[in-house]
Amino acid sequence: MCKKVGFTIGKFAPLHKGHQLLIETALQEMDKFYVIVYDTDLINIKVDIRAKWIKSLYPNVEILIAKNSPKKYGLDKESVEIQMKYLIKILGDIKVTHFYSSEPYGKYVADYLHIIDRRVDNDRKMVPISASKIRNDLSSNKQWVDSIVYNDLKKISN
C-alpha cells in the first residue's frame, strides 16, 4: 500500500484554530504530515518560535523551516513558478501525495506537484478567523489561539 504523505505551508503568524483544524484533519488522514513554516516580517516572532508552537501541539508533525522565501506572491504564472521552485527545494527528496490548505493557491500547488489538493474549511465556516484579524485585535480574538501562542503574543505586545 502506498504511503500517504501530506504537507501544508504557512507563516502561522500567528498559529490559530483554523490552522489547527487543518493540521488535525491531515494527521487523521495521512501516514506522515509535514508543515513548512515560512519566515515573515508580518509578526515580531521568529520562525523558530512559530515552528515550536506547532511541534509542541502536534509532536507527530514534521517541521521544515522556509527561510529567505521569495517575496513575489500571486496566482499568476510567474509567481507560481517562483514559489514552486522554492517549495521543491524545501521539500527535497520528500515524496508527497497530498497538499492541505484552505486557500485558492492549493490547486496550483497540487497541480504543479501532480498530487491531491485537499481543502479544509475553504470558506472558513467551521473556524471563522484569520491571522490578520488576530494580529489586528488580539484581545477580541484570543479564543482563536492556543494558550502557548497567546502567551508569546502577549509578551511581544507589551
Protein backbone atom coordinates (compact mmCIF):
# COMPACT_ATOMS: atom_id res chain seq x y z
CA MET A 1 0.00 0.00 0.00
CA CYS A 2 1.28 3.47 -0.87
CA LYS A 3 2.11 5.71 1.99
CA LYS A 4 0.04 8.90 2.17
CA VAL A 5 2.31 11.87 2.83
CA GLY A 6 0.78 15.30 3.13
CA PHE A 7 2.06 18.78 3.72
CA THR A 8 0.97 22.34 4.19
CA ILE A 9 2.70 25.68 4.10
CA GLY A 10 2.17 28.87 6.02
CA LYS A 11 3.52 31.72 8.03
CA PHE A 12 1.42 30.81 11.07
CA ALA A 13 1.59 34.45 12.09
CA PRO A 14 0.06 33.51 14.46
CA LEU A 15 -0.94 29.86 14.60
CA HIS A 16 -4.70 29.77 15.17
CA LYS A 17 -7.61 27.31 15.46
CA GLY A 18 -8.10 27.28 11.68
CA HIS A 19 -4.52 26.13 11.19
CA GLN A 20 -5.06 23.59 13.94
CA LEU A 21 -8.19 22.21 12.24
CA LEU A 22 -6.19 21.75 9.04
CA ILE A 23 -3.28 20.03 10.84
CA GLU A 24 -5.60 17.79 12.88
CA THR A 25 -7.53 16.78 9.75
CA ALA A 26 -4.29 15.92 7.96
CA LEU A 27 -2.98 13.91 10.90
CA GLN A 28 -6.15 11.79 10.82
CA GLU A 29 -5.87 11.18 7.07
CA MET A 30 -2.12 10.91 6.39
CA ASP A 31 0.59 8.43 7.33
CA LYS A 32 3.05 11.33 7.60
CA PHE A 33 2.49 15.07 7.63
CA TYR A 34 4.88 17.99 7.11
CA VAL A 35 4.34 21.62 7.99
CA ILE A 36 6.53 24.12 6.17
CA VAL A 37 6.80 27.31 8.24
CA TYR A 38 7.76 30.37 6.21
CA ASP A 39 9.71 33.31 7.53
CA THR A 40 7.83 36.60 7.56
CA ASP A 41 8.00 40.12 8.90
CA LEU A 42 4.22 40.23 9.46
CA ILE A 43 4.74 39.36 13.11
CA ASN A 44 7.56 40.04 15.51
CA ILE A 45 8.00 36.37 16.40
CA LYS A 46 10.82 34.38 14.87
CA VAL A 47 10.09 31.45 12.57
CA ASP A 48 11.65 29.02 15.06
CA ILE A 49 9.18 30.03 17.77
CA ARG A 50 6.22 29.71 15.38
CA ALA A 51 7.50 26.25 14.43
CA LYS A 52 7.82 25.38 18.13
CA TRP A 53 4.12 26.22 18.65
CA ILE A 54 3.18 23.63 16.06
CA LYS A 55 5.63 20.99 17.27
CA SER A 56 4.54 21.37 20.90
CA LEU A 57 0.86 20.91 19.99
CA TYR A 58 1.50 18.24 17.35
CA PRO A 59 4.63 16.21 18.14
CA ASN A 60 3.94 13.82 15.22
CA VAL A 61 4.20 16.61 12.66
CA GLU A 62 7.48 17.04 10.81
CA ILE A 63 8.52 20.70 10.63
CA LEU A 64 10.50 22.24 7.78
CA ILE A 65 11.66 25.85 8.09
CA ALA A 66 11.50 28.03 4.98
CA LYS A 67 13.91 30.93 5.41
CA ASN A 68 14.65 33.57 2.77
CA SER A 69 11.48 32.69 0.90
CA PRO A 70 10.59 34.52 -2.32
CA LYS A 71 8.75 37.78 -1.76
CA LYS A 72 6.78 37.52 -5.01
CA TYR A 73 3.29 36.13 -4.33
CA GLY A 74 0.28 35.66 -6.53
CA LEU A 75 -1.52 33.18 -8.72
CA ASP A 76 -0.05 34.45 -11.98
CA LYS A 77 2.21 32.03 -13.86
CA GLU A 78 5.49 33.76 -12.93
CA SER A 79 4.70 33.97 -9.20
CA VAL A 80 3.54 30.35 -9.06
CA GLU A 81 6.72 29.23 -10.86
CA ILE A 82 8.96 31.16 -8.43
CA GLN A 83 7.14 29.88 -5.36
CA MET A 84 7.03 26.29 -6.60
CA LYS A 85 10.74 26.14 -7.40
CA TYR A 86 11.43 27.37 -3.88
CA LEU A 87 8.97 24.89 -2.37
CA ILE A 88 10.50 21.97 -4.29
CA LYS A 89 13.90 22.93 -2.89
CA ILE A 90 12.48 22.93 0.67
CA LEU A 91 10.80 19.54 0.18
CA GLY A 92 13.99 17.99 -1.20
CA ASP A 93 13.59 14.22 -1.56
CA ILE A 94 10.29 14.03 0.33
CA LYS A 95 7.67 12.29 -1.83
CA VAL A 96 4.34 13.96 -1.05
CA THR A 97 0.90 12.77 -2.14
CA HIS A 98 -1.42 15.46 -0.74
CA PHE A 99 -1.35 19.23 -0.24
CA TYR A 100 -3.50 20.63 2.56
CA SER A 101 -4.75 24.21 2.54
CA SER A 102 -7.79 26.40 2.93
CA GLU A 103 -6.68 28.77 0.20
CA PRO A 104 -7.18 29.07 -3.58
CA TYR A 105 -3.45 28.56 -4.15
CA GLY A 106 -3.91 24.94 -3.04
CA LYS A 107 -4.98 23.99 -6.54
CA TYR A 108 -1.82 25.49 -8.03
CA VAL A 109 0.50 23.72 -5.62
CA ALA A 110 -1.25 20.38 -6.09
CA ASP A 111 -1.40 20.71 -9.88
CA TYR A 112 2.27 21.68 -10.11
CA LEU A 113 3.34 18.71 -7.99
CA HIS A 114 0.76 16.31 -9.50
CA ILE A 115 -0.69 15.48 -6.09
CA ILE A 116 -4.10 15.69 -4.40
CA ASP A 117 -5.45 19.13 -3.45
CA ARG A 118 -7.08 18.65 -0.03
CA ARG A 119 -9.03 21.70 1.15
CA VAL A 120 -10.07 22.06 4.77
CA ASP A 121 -12.72 24.64 5.72
CA ASN A 122 -12.11 26.52 2.48
CA ASP A 123 -14.83 29.10 3.18
CA ARG A 124 -13.95 29.43 6.87
CA LYS A 125 -17.35 28.31 8.17
CA MET A 126 -16.04 25.92 10.80
CA VAL A 127 -13.38 28.30 12.10
CA PRO A 128 -14.21 31.87 11.03
CA ILE A 129 -10.87 33.55 11.76
CA SER A 130 -7.71 34.71 10.01
CA ALA A 131 -4.25 35.51 11.29
CA SER A 132 -4.60 39.13 10.19
CA LYS A 133 -7.73 39.55 12.35
CA ILE A 134 -5.82 38.19 15.32
CA ARG A 135 -2.83 40.43 14.64
CA ASN A 136 -5.15 43.45 14.39
CA ASP A 137 -7.04 42.73 17.62
CA LEU A 138 -5.58 40.02 19.84
CA SER A 139 -7.76 40.72 22.88
CA SER A 140 -11.04 40.31 20.94
CA ASN A 141 -9.80 37.19 19.18
CA LYS A 142 -7.84 35.35 21.86
CA GLN A 143 -10.31 32.44 21.83
CA TRP A 144 -8.93 31.52 18.39
CA VAL A 145 -5.38 30.86 19.60
CA ASP A 146 -3.95 28.25 21.95
CA SER A 147 -2.62 29.49 25.28
CA ILE A 148 1.03 28.86 24.28
CA VAL A 149 0.54 31.12 21.26
CA TYR A 150 -1.40 33.71 23.23
CA ASN A 151 1.29 33.93 25.93
CA ASP A 152 4.01 34.57 23.34
CA LEU A 153 1.83 37.15 21.56
CA LYS A 154 1.16 38.95 24.84
CA LYS A 155 4.91 39.18 25.52
CA ILE A 156 5.58 41.00 22.24
CA SER A 157 2.59 43.31 22.56
CA ASN A 158 3.67 44.61 25.96
